[in-house]
Amino acid sequence: MGSCYWDPRVFDHEECPQVPRSYPPEFRRKVLDLVKAGRPVRQVAADLQMPSQTIYVWLRQDRIDSGLEPGLTSNDHAELVAARRRIAQLETELAVTRRAVELVKRAVPPKDASKPSR
């Protein structure tokens, strides 16, 4: 099959079990420090057995976070993810509340309807 990095859709954990799904922030920082110290990205990637594209993505995000390049910072991205998660939670709660109100309306007749008409 060749390299297990080129196409994530055909990634085989059996073929490349040493590849983590995500890298810890400390590891990312150390990799960026190596590159900033002058080591070529391809060499660092080869030494660490990781895709060089991953390092390029991290470098770009680091430039964005440092304000050197326009884009969504890591902190803003984390806040956006948290906000979307909270919105989804609130929408679910609202749907449950609306459904509960609907069920109560069906089960409990209105007060005016319980009085006999004259």
PDB file of N, CA and C in Angstrom:
ATOM      1  N   MET A   1       0.818  -1.200   0.000  1.00  0.00           N
ATOM      2  CA  MET A   1       0.000   0.000   0.000  1.00  0.00           C
ATOM      3  C   MET A   1       0.857   1.257   0.000  1.00  0.00           C
ATOM      4  N   GLY A   2       2.116   1.171   0.368  1.00  0.00           N
ATOM      5  CA  GLY A   2       2.972   2.354   0.351  1.00  0.00           C
ATOM      6  C   GLY A   2       2.858   3.132   1.642  1.00  0.00           C
ATOM      7  N   SER A   3       3.037   4.448   1.538  1.00  0.00           N
ATOM      8  CA  SER A   3       2.965   5.308   2.708  1.00  0.00           C
ATOM      9  C   SER A   3       1.553   5.353   3.257  1.00  0.00           C
ATOM     10  N   CYS A   4       1.450   5.296   4.566  1.00  0.00           N
ATOM     11  CA  CYS A   4       0.132   5.322   5.186  1.00  0.00           C
ATOM     12  C   CYS A   4      -0.321   6.753   5.443  1.00  0.00           C
ATOM     13  N   TYR A   5       0.453   7.745   5.012  1.00  0.00           N
ATOM     14  CA  TYR A   5       0.114   9.134   5.295  1.00  0.00           C
ATOM     15  C   TYR A   5      -0.578   9.842   4.149  1.00  0.00           C
ATOM     16  N   TRP A   6      -0.428   9.383   2.949  1.00  0.00           N
ATOM     17  CA  TRP A   6      -0.843  10.166   1.789  1.00  0.00           C
ATOM     18  C   TRP A   6      -2.337  10.350   1.678  1.00  0.00           C
ATOM     19  N   ASP A   7      -3.136   9.399   2.122  1.00  0.00           N
ATOM     20  CA  ASP A   7      -4.587   9.518   1.979  1.00  0.00           C
ATOM     21  C   ASP A   7      -5.259   9.048   3.266  1.00  0.00           C
ATOM     22  N   PRO A   8      -5.803   9.978   4.064  1.00  0.00           N
ATOM     23  CA  PRO A   8      -6.389   9.591   5.349  1.00  0.00           C
ATOM     24  C   PRO A   8      -7.592   8.671   5.207  1.00  0.00           C
ATOM     25  N   ARG A   9      -8.227   8.624   4.038  1.00  0.00           N
ATOM     26  CA  ARG A   9      -9.388   7.756   3.870  1.00  0.00           C
ATOM     27  C   ARG A   9      -8.996   6.291   3.828  1.00  0.00           C
ATOM     28  N   VAL A  10      -7.746   6.013   3.456  1.00  0.00           N
ATOM     29  CA  VAL A  10      -7.302   4.631   3.376  1.00  0.00           C
ATOM     30  C   VAL A  10      -6.262   4.329   4.451  1.00  0.00           C
ATOM     31  N   PHE A  11      -6.247   5.132   5.479  1.00  0.00           N
ATOM     32  CA  PHE A  11      -5.294   4.952   6.574  1.00  0.00           C
ATOM     33  C   PHE A  11      -5.541   3.614   7.243  1.00  0.00           C
ATOM     34  N   ASP A  12      -4.488   2.861   7.428  1.00  0.00           N
ATOM     35  CA  ASP A  12      -4.579   1.536   8.026  1.00  0.00           C
ATOM     36  C   ASP A  12      -3.752   1.525   9.302  1.00  0.00           C
ATOM     37  N   HIS A  13      -4.407   1.434  10.457  1.00  0.00           N
ATOM     38  CA  HIS A  13      -3.683   1.426  11.731  1.00  0.00           C
ATOM     39  C   HIS A  13      -2.821   0.183  11.875  1.00  0.00           C
ATOM     40  N   GLU A  14      -3.171  -0.888  11.191  1.00  0.00           N
ATOM     41  CA  GLU A  14      -2.351  -2.101  11.237  1.00  0.00           C
ATOM     42  C   GLU A  14      -1.001  -1.836  10.568  1.00  0.00           C
ATOM     43  N   GLU A  15      -1.034  -1.091   9.462  1.00  0.00           N
ATOM     44  CA  GLU A  15       0.182  -0.822   8.711  1.00  0.00           C
ATOM     45  C   GLU A  15       1.063   0.200   9.423  1.00  0.00           C
ATOM     46  N   CYS A  16       0.460   1.184  10.086  1.00  0.00           N
ATOM     47  CA  CYS A  16       1.203   2.257  10.751  1.00  0.00           C
ATOM     48  C   CYS A  16       0.689   2.439  12.176  1.00  0.00           C
ATOM     49  N   PRO A  17       0.900   1.474  13.040  1.00  0.00           N
ATOM     50  CA  PRO A  17       0.344   1.587  14.384  1.00  0.00           C
ATOM     51  C   PRO A  17       0.995   2.670  15.238  1.00  0.00           C
ATOM     52  N   GLN A  18       2.194   3.155  14.857  1.00  0.00           N
ATOM     53  CA  GLN A  18       2.890   4.138  15.676  1.00  0.00           C
ATOM     54  C   GLN A  18       2.358   5.554  15.483  1.00  0.00           C
ATOM     55  N   VAL A  19       1.455   5.773  14.542  1.00  0.00           N
ATOM     56  CA  VAL A  19       0.957   7.108  14.245  1.00  0.00           C
ATOM     57  C   VAL A  19      -0.204   7.446  15.170  1.00  0.00           C
ATOM     58  N   PRO A  20      -0.023   8.470  16.024  1.00  0.00           N
ATOM     59  CA  PRO A  20      -1.140   8.857  16.889  1.00  0.00           C
ATOM     60  C   PRO A  20      -2.194   9.625  16.093  1.00  0.00           C
ATOM     61  N   ARG A  21      -3.409   9.619  16.588  1.00  0.00           N
ATOM     62  CA  ARG A  21      -4.475  10.359  15.913  1.00  0.00           C
ATOM     63  C   ARG A  21      -4.285  11.860  16.086  1.00  0.00           C
ATOM     64  N   SER A  22      -3.761  12.289  17.208  1.00  0.00           N
ATOM     65  CA  SER A  22      -3.444  13.695  17.416  1.00  0.00           C
ATOM     66  C   SER A  22      -2.178  13.769  18.261  1.00  0.00           C
ATOM     67  N   TYR A  23      -1.555  14.916  18.185  1.00  0.00           N
ATOM     68  CA  TYR A  23      -0.292  15.100  18.890  1.00  0.00           C
ATOM     69  C   TYR A  23      -0.508  16.043  20.072  1.00  0.00           C
ATOM     70  N   PRO A  24       0.132  15.772  21.202  1.00  0.00           N
ATOM     71  CA  PRO A  24      -0.017  16.668  22.353  1.00  0.00           C
ATOM     72  C   PRO A  24       0.606  18.033  22.067  1.00  0.00           C
ATOM     73  N   PRO A  25       0.079  19.074  22.691  1.00  0.00           N
ATOM     74  CA  PRO A  25       0.599  20.430  22.459  1.00  0.00           C
ATOM     75  C   PRO A  25       2.101  20.556  22.728  1.00  0.00           C
ATOM     76  N   GLU A  26       2.613  19.840  23.741  1.00  0.00           N
ATOM     77  CA  GLU A  26       4.048  19.934  24.054  1.00  0.00           C
ATOM     78  C   GLU A  26       4.876  19.407  22.885  1.00  0.00           C
ATOM     79  N   PHE A  27       4.412  18.323  22.288  1.00  0.00           N
ATOM     80  CA  PHE A  27       5.107  17.740  21.138  1.00  0.00           C
ATOM     81  C   PHE A  27       5.095  18.719  19.970  1.00  0.00           C
ATOM     82  N   ARG A  28       3.939  19.316  19.715  1.00  0.00           N
ATOM     83  CA  ARG A  28       3.840  20.301  18.628  1.00  0.00           C
ATOM     84  C   ARG A  28       4.821  21.443  18.841  1.00  0.00           C
ATOM     85  N   ARG A  29       4.881  21.938  20.093  1.00  0.00           N
ATOM     86  CA  ARG A  29       5.771  23.060  20.401  1.00  0.00           C
ATOM     87  C   ARG A  29       7.220  22.670  20.152  1.00  0.00           C
ATOM     88  N   LYS A  30       7.616  21.452  20.559  1.00  0.00           N
ATOM     89  CA  LYS A  30       9.000  21.013  20.363  1.00  0.00           C
ATOM     90  C   LYS A  30       9.324  20.877  18.873  1.00  0.00           C
ATOM     91  N   VAL A  31       8.385  20.372  18.097  1.00  0.00           N
ATOM     92  CA  VAL A  31       8.587  20.247  16.653  1.00  0.00           C
ATOM     93  C   VAL A  31       8.769  21.632  16.034  1.00  0.00           C
ATOM     94  N   LEU A  32       7.911  22.577  16.413  1.00  0.00           N
ATOM     95  CA  LEU A  32       8.029  23.943  15.879  1.00  0.00           C
ATOM     96  C   LEU A  32       9.346  24.580  16.297  1.00  0.00           C
ATOM     97  N   ASP A  33       9.786  24.304  17.525  1.00  0.00           N
ATOM     98  CA  ASP A  33      11.076  24.838  17.977  1.00  0.00           C
ATOM     99  C   ASP A  33      12.231  24.300  17.133  1.00  0.00           C
ATOM    100  N   LEU A  34      12.162  23.012  16.777  1.00  0.00           N
ATOM    101  CA  LEU A  34      13.206  22.426  15.923  1.00  0.00           C
ATOM    102  C   LEU A  34      13.252  23.120  14.564  1.00  0.00           C
ATOM    103  N   VAL A  35      12.077  23.355  13.990  1.00  0.00           N
ATOM    104  CA  VAL A  35      12.018  23.998  12.679  1.00  0.00           C
ATOM    105  C   VAL A  35      12.486  25.453  12.772  1.00  0.00           C
ATOM    106  N   LYS A  36      12.063  26.143  13.815  1.00  0.00           N
ATOM    107  CA  LYS A  36      12.472  27.544  13.988  1.00  0.00           C
ATOM    108  C   LYS A  36      13.970  27.667  14.251  1.00  0.00           C
ATOM    109  N   ALA A  37      14.562  26.584  14.791  1.00  0.00           N
ATOM    110  CA  ALA A  37      16.008  26.587  15.043  1.00  0.00           C
ATOM    111  C   ALA A  37      16.805  26.345  13.759  1.00  0.00           C
ATOM    112  N   GLY A  38      16.094  26.091  12.652  1.00  0.00           N
ATOM    113  CA  GLY A  38      16.785  25.963  11.375  1.00  0.00           C
ATOM    114  C   GLY A  38      16.762  24.579  10.755  1.00  0.00           C
ATOM    115  N   ARG A  39      16.193  23.602  11.437  1.00  0.00           N
ATOM    116  CA  ARG A  39      16.119  22.262  10.851  1.00  0.00           C
ATOM    117  C   ARG A  39      15.065  22.248   9.746  1.00  0.00           C
ATOM    118  N   PRO A  40      15.351  21.626   8.622  1.00  0.00           N
ATOM    119  CA  PRO A  40      14.372  21.556   7.531  1.00  0.00           C
ATOM    120  C   PRO A  40      13.142  20.742   7.934  1.00  0.00           C
ATOM    121  N   VAL A  41      11.983  21.199   7.486  1.00  0.00           N
ATOM    122  CA  VAL A  41      10.722  20.540   7.825  1.00  0.00           C
ATOM    123  C   VAL A  41      10.753  19.075   7.390  1.00  0.00           C
ATOM    124  N   ARG A  42      11.227  18.834   6.187  1.00  0.00           N
ATOM    125  CA  ARG A  42      11.254  17.450   5.685  1.00  0.00           C
ATOM    126  C   ARG A  42      12.126  16.553   6.560  1.00  0.00           C
ATOM    127  N   GLN A  43      13.230  17.080   7.042  1.00  0.00           N
ATOM    128  CA  GLN A  43      14.129  16.283   7.887  1.00  0.00           C
ATOM    129  C   GLN A  43      13.486  15.990   9.237  1.00  0.00           C
ATOM    130  N   VAL A  44      12.872  17.010   9.833  1.00  0.00           N
ATOM    131  CA  VAL A  44      12.189  16.818  11.122  1.00  0.00           C
ATOM    132  C   VAL A  44      11.068  15.791  10.957  1.00  0.00           C
ATOM    133  N   ALA A  45      10.309  15.925   9.888  1.00  0.00           N
ATOM    134  CA  ALA A  45       9.205  14.993   9.631  1.00  0.00           C
ATOM    135  C   ALA A  45       9.722  13.575   9.461  1.00  0.00           C
ATOM    136  N   ALA A  46      10.806  13.420   8.712  1.00  0.00           N
ATOM    137  CA  ALA A  46      11.375  12.089   8.497  1.00  0.00           C
ATOM    138  C   ALA A  46      11.896  11.502   9.808  1.00  0.00           C
ATOM    139  N   ASP A  47      12.585  12.330  10.594  1.00  0.00           N
ATOM    140  CA  ASP A  47      13.127  11.856  11.873  1.00  0.00           C
ATOM    141  C   ASP A  47      12.025  11.405  12.829  1.00  0.00           C
ATOM    142  N   LEU A  48      10.899  12.099  12.789  1.00  0.00           N
ATOM    143  CA  LEU A  48       9.793  11.796  13.707  1.00  0.00           C
ATOM    144  C   LEU A  48       8.734  10.883  13.085  1.00  0.00           C
ATOM    145  N   GLN A  49       8.982  10.478  11.857  1.00  0.00           N
ATOM    146  CA  GLN A  49       8.060   9.605  11.131  1.00  0.00           C
ATOM    147  C   GLN A  49       6.635  10.161  11.130  1.00  0.00           C
ATOM    148  N   MET A  50       6.547  11.381  10.669  1.00  0.00           N
ATOM    149  CA  MET A  50       5.257  12.047  10.582  1.00  0.00           C
ATOM    150  C   MET A  50       5.182  12.794   9.256  1.00  0.00           C
ATOM    151  N   PRO A  51       3.981  13.108   8.798  1.00  0.00           N
ATOM    152  CA  PRO A  51       3.849  13.832   7.530  1.00  0.00           C
ATOM    153  C   PRO A  51       4.382  15.257   7.643  1.00  0.00           C
ATOM    154  N   SER A  52       5.146  15.689   6.657  1.00  0.00           N
ATOM    155  CA  SER A  52       5.675  17.053   6.678  1.00  0.00           C
ATOM    156  C   SER A  52       4.543  18.072   6.563  1.00  0.00           C
ATOM    157  N   GLN A  53       3.456  17.695   5.880  1.00  0.00           N
ATOM    158  CA  GLN A  53       2.317  18.609   5.749  1.00  0.00           C
ATOM    159  C   GLN A  53       1.764  18.997   7.119  1.00  0.00           C
ATOM    160  N   THR A  54       1.775  18.074   8.059  1.00  0.00           N
ATOM    161  CA  THR A  54       1.303  18.373   9.418  1.00  0.00           C
ATOM    162  C   THR A  54       2.128  19.497  10.024  1.00  0.00           C
ATOM    163  N   ILE A  55       3.429  19.437   9.836  1.00  0.00           N
ATOM    164  CA  ILE A  55       4.306  20.480  10.386  1.00  0.00           C
ATOM    165  C   ILE A  55       4.037  21.815   9.703  1.00  0.00           C
ATOM    166  N   TYR A  56       3.815  21.796   8.394  1.00  0.00           N
ATOM    167  CA  TYR A  56       3.504  23.040   7.687  1.00  0.00           C
ATOM    168  C   TYR A  56       2.194  23.653   8.205  1.00  0.00           C
ATOM    169  N   VAL A  57       1.213  22.819   8.496  1.00  0.00           N
ATOM    170  CA  VAL A  57      -0.056  23.308   9.049  1.00  0.00           C
ATOM    171  C   VAL A  57       0.193  23.930  10.422  1.00  0.00           C
ATOM    172  N   TRP A  58       1.002  23.269  11.237  1.00  0.00           N
ATOM    173  CA  TRP A  58       1.313  23.803  12.566  1.00  0.00           C
ATOM    174  C   TRP A  58       2.065  25.125  12.457  1.00  0.00           C
ATOM    175  N   LEU A  59       2.980  25.229  11.512  1.00  0.00           N
ATOM    176  CA  LEU A  59       3.724  26.478  11.321  1.00  0.00           C
ATOM    177  C   LEU A  59       2.782  27.619  10.937  1.00  0.00           C
ATOM    178  N   ARG A  60       1.864  27.337  10.025  1.00  0.00           N
ATOM    179  CA  ARG A  60       0.918  28.369   9.611  1.00  0.00           C
ATOM    180  C   ARG A  60       0.055  28.809  10.794  1.00  0.00           C
ATOM    181  N   GLN A  61      -0.432  27.841  11.573  1.00  0.00           N
ATOM    182  CA  GLN A  61      -1.264  28.188  12.726  1.00  0.00           C
ATOM    183  C   GLN A  61      -0.464  28.983  13.746  1.00  0.00           C
ATOM    184  N   ASP A  62       0.804  28.657  13.907  1.00  0.00           N
ATOM    185  CA  ASP A  62       1.657  29.396  14.830  1.00  0.00           C
ATOM    186  C   ASP A  62       1.814  30.847  14.370  1.00  0.00           C
ATOM    187  N   ARG A  63       1.954  31.057  13.060  1.00  0.00           N
ATOM    188  CA  ARG A  63       2.035  32.426  12.528  1.00  0.00           C
ATOM    189  C   ARG A  63       0.721  33.180  12.748  1.00  0.00           C
ATOM    190  N   ILE A  64      -0.390  32.481  12.596  1.00  0.00           N
ATOM    191  CA  ILE A  64      -1.697  33.112  12.848  1.00  0.00           C
ATOM    192  C   ILE A  64      -1.826  33.484  14.316  1.00  0.00           C
ATOM    193  N   ASP A  65      -1.458  32.543  15.194  1.00  0.00           N
ATOM    194  CA  ASP A  65      -1.554  32.801  16.636  1.00  0.00           C
ATOM    195  C   ASP A  65      -0.636  33.932  17.080  1.00  0.00           C
ATOM    196  N   SER A  66       0.475  34.111  16.369  1.00  0.00           N
ATOM    197  CA  SER A  66       1.431  35.179  16.697  1.00  0.00           C
ATOM    198  C   SER A  66       1.036  36.518  16.088  1.00  0.00           C
ATOM    199  N   GLY A  67      -0.011  36.525  15.265  1.00  0.00           N
ATOM    200  CA  GLY A  67      -0.459  37.759  14.638  1.00  0.00           C
ATOM    201  C   GLY A  67       0.313  38.121  13.378  1.00  0.00           C
ATOM    202  N   LEU A  68       1.138  37.220  12.883  1.00  0.00           N
ATOM    203  CA  LEU A  68       1.936  37.485  11.687  1.00  0.00           C
ATOM    204  C   LEU A  68       1.173  37.199  10.400  1.00  0.00           C
ATOM    205  N   GLU A  69       0.064  36.491  10.528  1.00  0.00           N
ATOM    206  CA  GLU A  69      -0.734  36.106   9.365  1.00  0.00           C
ATOM    207  C   GLU A  69      -2.204  36.178   9.764  1.00  0.00           C
ATOM    208  N   PRO A  70      -3.063  36.622   8.846  1.00  0.00           N
ATOM    209  CA  PRO A  70      -4.486  36.689   9.197  1.00  0.00           C
ATOM    210  C   PRO A  70      -5.093  35.290   9.264  1.00  0.00           C
ATOM    211  N   GLY A  71      -6.094  35.160  10.119  1.00  0.00           N
ATOM    212  CA  GLY A  71      -6.790  33.883  10.237  1.00  0.00           C
ATOM    213  C   GLY A  71      -7.377  33.712  11.629  1.00  0.00           C
ATOM    214  N   LEU A  72      -8.012  32.596  11.827  1.00  0.00           N
ATOM    215  CA  LEU A  72      -8.658  32.271  13.096  1.00  0.00           C
ATOM    216  C   LEU A  72      -7.617  31.708  14.063  1.00  0.00           C
ATOM    217  N   THR A  73      -7.419  32.389  15.197  1.00  0.00           N
ATOM    218  CA  THR A  73      -6.428  31.920  16.161  1.00  0.00           C
ATOM    219  C   THR A  73      -6.917  30.646  16.846  1.00  0.00           C
ATOM    220  N   SER A  74      -5.994  29.947  17.460  1.00  0.00           N
ATOM    221  CA  SER A  74      -6.339  28.712  18.171  1.00  0.00           C
ATOM    222  C   SER A  74      -7.341  28.985  19.295  1.00  0.00           C
ATOM    223  N   ASN A  75      -7.142  30.090  20.016  1.00  0.00           N
ATOM    224  CA  ASN A  75      -8.069  30.439  21.098  1.00  0.00           C
ATOM    225  C   ASN A  75      -9.459  30.751  20.559  1.00  0.00           C
ATOM    226  N   ASP A  76      -9.507  31.514  19.466  1.00  0.00           N
ATOM    227  CA  ASP A  76     -10.801  31.832  18.857  1.00  0.00           C
ATOM    228  C   ASP A  76     -11.484  30.566  18.353  1.00  0.00           C
ATOM    229  N   HIS A  77     -10.704  29.660  17.785  1.00  0.00           N
ATOM    230  CA  HIS A  77     -11.263  28.401  17.289  1.00  0.00           C
ATOM    231  C   HIS A  77     -11.842  27.589  18.451  1.00  0.00           C
ATOM    232  N   ALA A  78     -11.114  27.527  19.556  1.00  0.00           N
ATOM    233  CA  ALA A  78     -11.600  26.776  20.725  1.00  0.00           C
ATOM    234  C   ALA A  78     -12.890  27.398  21.262  1.00  0.00           C
ATOM    235  N   GLU A  79     -12.947  28.733  21.309  1.00  0.00           N
ATOM    236  CA  GLU A  79     -14.163  29.407  21.764  1.00  0.00           C
ATOM    237  C   GLU A  79     -15.323  29.149  20.810  1.00  0.00           C
ATOM    238  N   LEU A  80     -15.051  29.156  19.529  1.00  0.00           N
ATOM    239  CA  LEU A  80     -16.080  28.903  18.527  1.00  0.00           C
ATOM    240  C   LEU A  80     -16.636  27.483  18.658  1.00  0.00           C
ATOM    241  N   VAL A  81     -15.764  26.518  18.847  1.00  0.00           N
ATOM    242  CA  VAL A  81     -16.195  25.129  19.035  1.00  0.00           C
ATOM    243  C   VAL A  81     -17.052  25.014  20.289  1.00  0.00           C
ATOM    244  N   ALA A  82     -16.612  25.640  21.380  1.00  0.00           N
ATOM    245  CA  ALA A  82     -17.369  25.595  22.627  1.00  0.00           C
ATOM    246  C   ALA A  82     -18.731  26.282  22.462  1.00  0.00           C
ATOM    247  N   ALA A  83     -18.757  27.401  21.758  1.00  0.00           N
ATOM    248  CA  ALA A  83     -20.019  28.117  21.537  1.00  0.00           C
ATOM    249  C   ALA A  83     -20.984  27.284  20.698  1.00  0.00           C
ATOM    250  N   ARG A  84     -20.468  26.647  19.659  1.00  0.00           N
ATOM    251  CA  ARG A  84     -21.333  25.798  18.829  1.00  0.00           C
ATOM    252  C   ARG A  84     -21.877  24.622  19.620  1.00  0.00           C
ATOM    253  N   ARG A  85     -21.037  24.048  20.467  1.00  0.00           N
ATOM    254  CA  ARG A  85     -21.480  22.942  21.313  1.00  0.00           C
ATOM    255  C   ARG A  85     -22.586  23.409  22.272  1.00  0.00           C
ATOM    256  N   ARG A  86     -22.401  24.591  22.863  1.00  0.00           N
ATOM    257  CA  ARG A  86     -23.397  25.141  23.793  1.00  0.00           C
ATOM    258  C   ARG A  86     -24.698  25.468  23.071  1.00  0.00           C
ATOM    259  N   ILE A  87     -24.602  26.022  21.867  1.00  0.00           N
ATOM    260  CA  ILE A  87     -25.799  26.323  21.076  1.00  0.00           C
ATOM    261  C   ILE A  87     -26.570  25.047  20.781  1.00  0.00           C
ATOM    262  N   ALA A  88     -25.866  23.996  20.403  1.00  0.00           N
ATOM    263  CA  ALA A  88     -26.525  22.720  20.122  1.00  0.00           C
ATOM    264  C   ALA A  88     -27.218  22.193  21.371  1.00  0.00           C
ATOM    265  N   GLN A  89     -26.563  22.322  22.514  1.00  0.00           N
ATOM    266  CA  GLN A  89     -27.149  21.877  23.778  1.00  0.00           C
ATOM    267  C   GLN A  89     -28.408  22.686  24.098  1.00  0.00           C
ATOM    268  N   LEU A  90     -28.344  23.989  23.932  1.00  0.00           N
ATOM    269  CA  LEU A  90     -29.500  24.843  24.214  1.00  0.00           C
ATOM    270  C   LEU A  90     -30.650  24.571  23.247  1.00  0.00           C
ATOM    271  N   GLU A  91     -30.319  24.313  21.977  1.00  0.00           N
ATOM    272  CA  GLU A  91     -31.360  23.979  21.007  1.00  0.00           C
ATOM    273  C   GLU A  91     -32.058  22.669  21.381  1.00  0.00           C
ATOM    274  N   THR A  92     -31.297  21.709  21.864  1.00  0.00           N
ATOM    275  CA  THR A  92     -31.878  20.438  22.312  1.00  0.00           C
ATOM    276  C   THR A  92     -32.778  20.663  23.517  1.00  0.00           C
ATOM    277  N   GLU A  93     -32.310  21.451  24.478  1.00  0.00           N
ATOM    278  CA  GLU A  93     -33.116  21.748  25.664  1.00  0.00           C
ATOM    279  C   GLU A  93     -34.402  22.467  25.280  1.00  0.00           C
ATOM    280  N   LEU A  94     -34.313  23.391  24.331  1.00  0.00           N
ATOM    281  CA  LEU A  94     -35.491  24.123  23.884  1.00  0.00           C
ATOM    282  C   LEU A  94     -36.490  23.184  23.217  1.00  0.00           C
ATOM    283  N   ALA A  95     -35.999  22.273  22.399  1.00  0.00           N
ATOM    284  CA  ALA A  95     -36.886  21.312  21.735  1.00  0.00           C
ATOM    285  C   ALA A  95     -37.580  20.419  22.759  1.00  0.00           C
ATOM    286  N   VAL A  96     -36.860  19.996  23.782  1.00  0.00           N
ATOM    287  CA  VAL A  96     -37.453  19.167  24.843  1.00  0.00           C
ATOM    288  C   VAL A  96     -38.511  19.968  25.596  1.00  0.00           C
ATOM    289  N   THR A  97     -38.213  21.213  25.912  1.00  0.00           N
ATOM    290  CA  THR A  97     -39.169  22.057  26.624  1.00  0.00           C
ATOM    291  C   THR A  97     -40.431  22.277  25.794  1.00  0.00           C
ATOM    292  N   ARG A  98     -40.253  22.561  24.520  1.00  0.00           N
ATOM    293  CA  ARG A  98     -41.427  22.758  23.638  1.00  0.00           C
ATOM    294  C   ARG A  98     -42.274  21.498  23.572  1.00  0.00           C
ATOM    295  N   ARG A  99     -41.626  20.343  23.488  1.00  0.00           N
ATOM    296  CA  ARG A  99     -42.354  19.080  23.426  1.00  0.00           C
ATOM    297  C   ARG A  99     -43.091  18.825  24.741  1.00  0.00           C
ATOM    298  N   ALA A 100     -42.462  19.143  25.858  1.00  0.00           N
ATOM    299  CA  ALA A 100     -43.101  18.968  27.162  1.00  0.00           C
ATOM    300  C   ALA A 100     -44.331  19.862  27.274  1.00  0.00           C
ATOM    301  N   VAL A 101     -44.237  21.105  26.830  1.00  0.00           N
ATOM    302  CA  VAL A 101     -45.373  22.025  26.867  1.00  0.00           C
ATOM    303  C   VAL A 101     -46.505  21.479  25.999  1.00  0.00           C
ATOM    304  N   GLU A 102     -46.159  20.961  24.842  1.00  0.00           N
ATOM    305  CA  GLU A 102     -47.156  20.386  23.945  1.00  0.00           C
ATOM    306  C   GLU A 102     -47.876  19.207  24.606  1.00  0.00           C
ATOM    307  N   LEU A 103     -47.121  18.345  25.271  1.00  0.00           N
ATOM    308  CA  LEU A 103     -47.721  17.183  25.946  1.00  0.00           C
ATOM    309  C   LEU A 103     -48.597  17.598  27.124  1.00  0.00           C
ATOM    310  N   VAL A 104     -48.169  18.617  27.868  1.00  0.00           N
ATOM    311  CA  VAL A 104     -48.963  19.108  29.003  1.00  0.00           C
ATOM    312  C   VAL A 104     -50.264  19.716  28.502  1.00  0.00           C
ATOM    313  N   LYS A 105     -50.214  20.451  27.401  1.00  0.00           N
ATOM    314  CA  LYS A 105     -51.437  21.050  26.843  1.00  0.00           C
ATOM    315  C   LYS A 105     -52.444  19.979  26.467  1.00  0.00           C
ATOM    316  N   ARG A 106     -51.963  18.858  25.949  1.00  0.00           N
ATOM    317  CA  ARG A 106     -52.862  17.770  25.570  1.00  0.00           C
ATOM    318  C   ARG A 106     -53.449  17.071  26.794  1.00  0.00           C
ATOM    319  N   ALA A 107     -52.649  16.920  27.829  1.00  0.00           N
ATOM    320  CA  ALA A 107     -53.065  16.156  29.002  1.00  0.00           C
ATOM    321  C   ALA A 107     -53.944  16.959  29.954  1.00  0.00           C
ATOM    322  N   VAL A 108     -53.719  18.250  30.052  1.00  0.00           N
ATOM    323  CA  VAL A 108     -54.448  19.087  31.003  1.00  0.00           C
ATOM    324  C   VAL A 108     -55.349  20.031  30.214  1.00  0.00           C
ATOM    325  N   PRO A 109     -56.654  19.906  30.388  1.00  0.00           N
ATOM    326  CA  PRO A 109     -57.553  20.811  29.662  1.00  0.00           C
ATOM    327  C   PRO A 109     -57.422  22.236  30.206  1.00  0.00           C
ATOM    328  N   PRO A 110     -57.696  23.217  29.376  1.00  0.00           N
ATOM    329  CA  PRO A 110     -57.636  24.606  29.842  1.00  0.00           C
ATOM    330  C   PRO A 110     -58.644  24.847  30.958  1.00  0.00           C
ATOM    331  N   LYS A 111     -58.376  25.795  31.845  1.00  0.00           N
ATOM    332  CA  LYS A 111     -59.251  26.076  32.990  1.00  0.00           C
ATOM    333  C   LYS A 111     -60.643  26.502  32.545  1.00  0.00           C
ATOM    334  N   ASP A 112     -60.739  27.302  31.516  1.00  0.00           N
ATOM    335  CA  ASP A 112     -62.048  27.790  31.049  1.00  0.00           C
ATOM    336  C   ASP A 112     -62.898  26.626  30.520  1.00  0.00           C
ATOM    337  N   ALA A 113     -62.311  25.626  29.954  1.00  0.00           N
ATOM    338  CA  ALA A 113     -63.057  24.508  29.361  1.00  0.00           C
ATOM    339  C   ALA A 113     -63.674  23.619  30.428  1.00  0.00           C
ATOM    340  N   SER A 114     -63.181  23.690  31.681  1.00  0.00           N
ATOM    341  CA  SER A 114     -63.714  22.814  32.725  1.00  0.00           C
ATOM    342  C   SER A 114     -65.006  23.353  33.338  1.00  0.00           C
ATOM    343  N   LYS A 115     -65.320  24.636  33.105  1.00  0.00           N
ATOM    344  CA  LYS A 115     -66.562  25.224  33.656  1.00  0.00           C
ATOM    345  C   LYS A 115     -67.721  24.868  32.746  1.00  0.00           C
ATOM    346  N   PRO A 116     -68.840  24.485  33.337  1.00  0.00           N
ATOM    347  CA  PRO A 116     -70.003  24.186  32.508  1.00  0.00           C
ATOM    348  C   PRO A 116     -70.542  25.456  31.849  1.00  0.00           C
ATOM    349  N   SER A 117     -70.997  25.359  30.633  1.00  0.00           N
ATOM    350  CA  SER A 117     -71.556  26.533  29.952  1.00  0.00           C
ATOM    351  C   SER A 117     -73.013  26.699  30.302  1.00  0.00           C
ATOM    352  N   ARG A 118     -73.468  27.911  30.284  1.00  0.00           N
ATOM    353  CA  ARG A 118     -74.854  28.216  30.699  1.00  0.00           C
ATOM    354  C   ARG A 118     -75.687  28.515  29.542  1.00  0.00           C
TER     355      ARG A 118
END
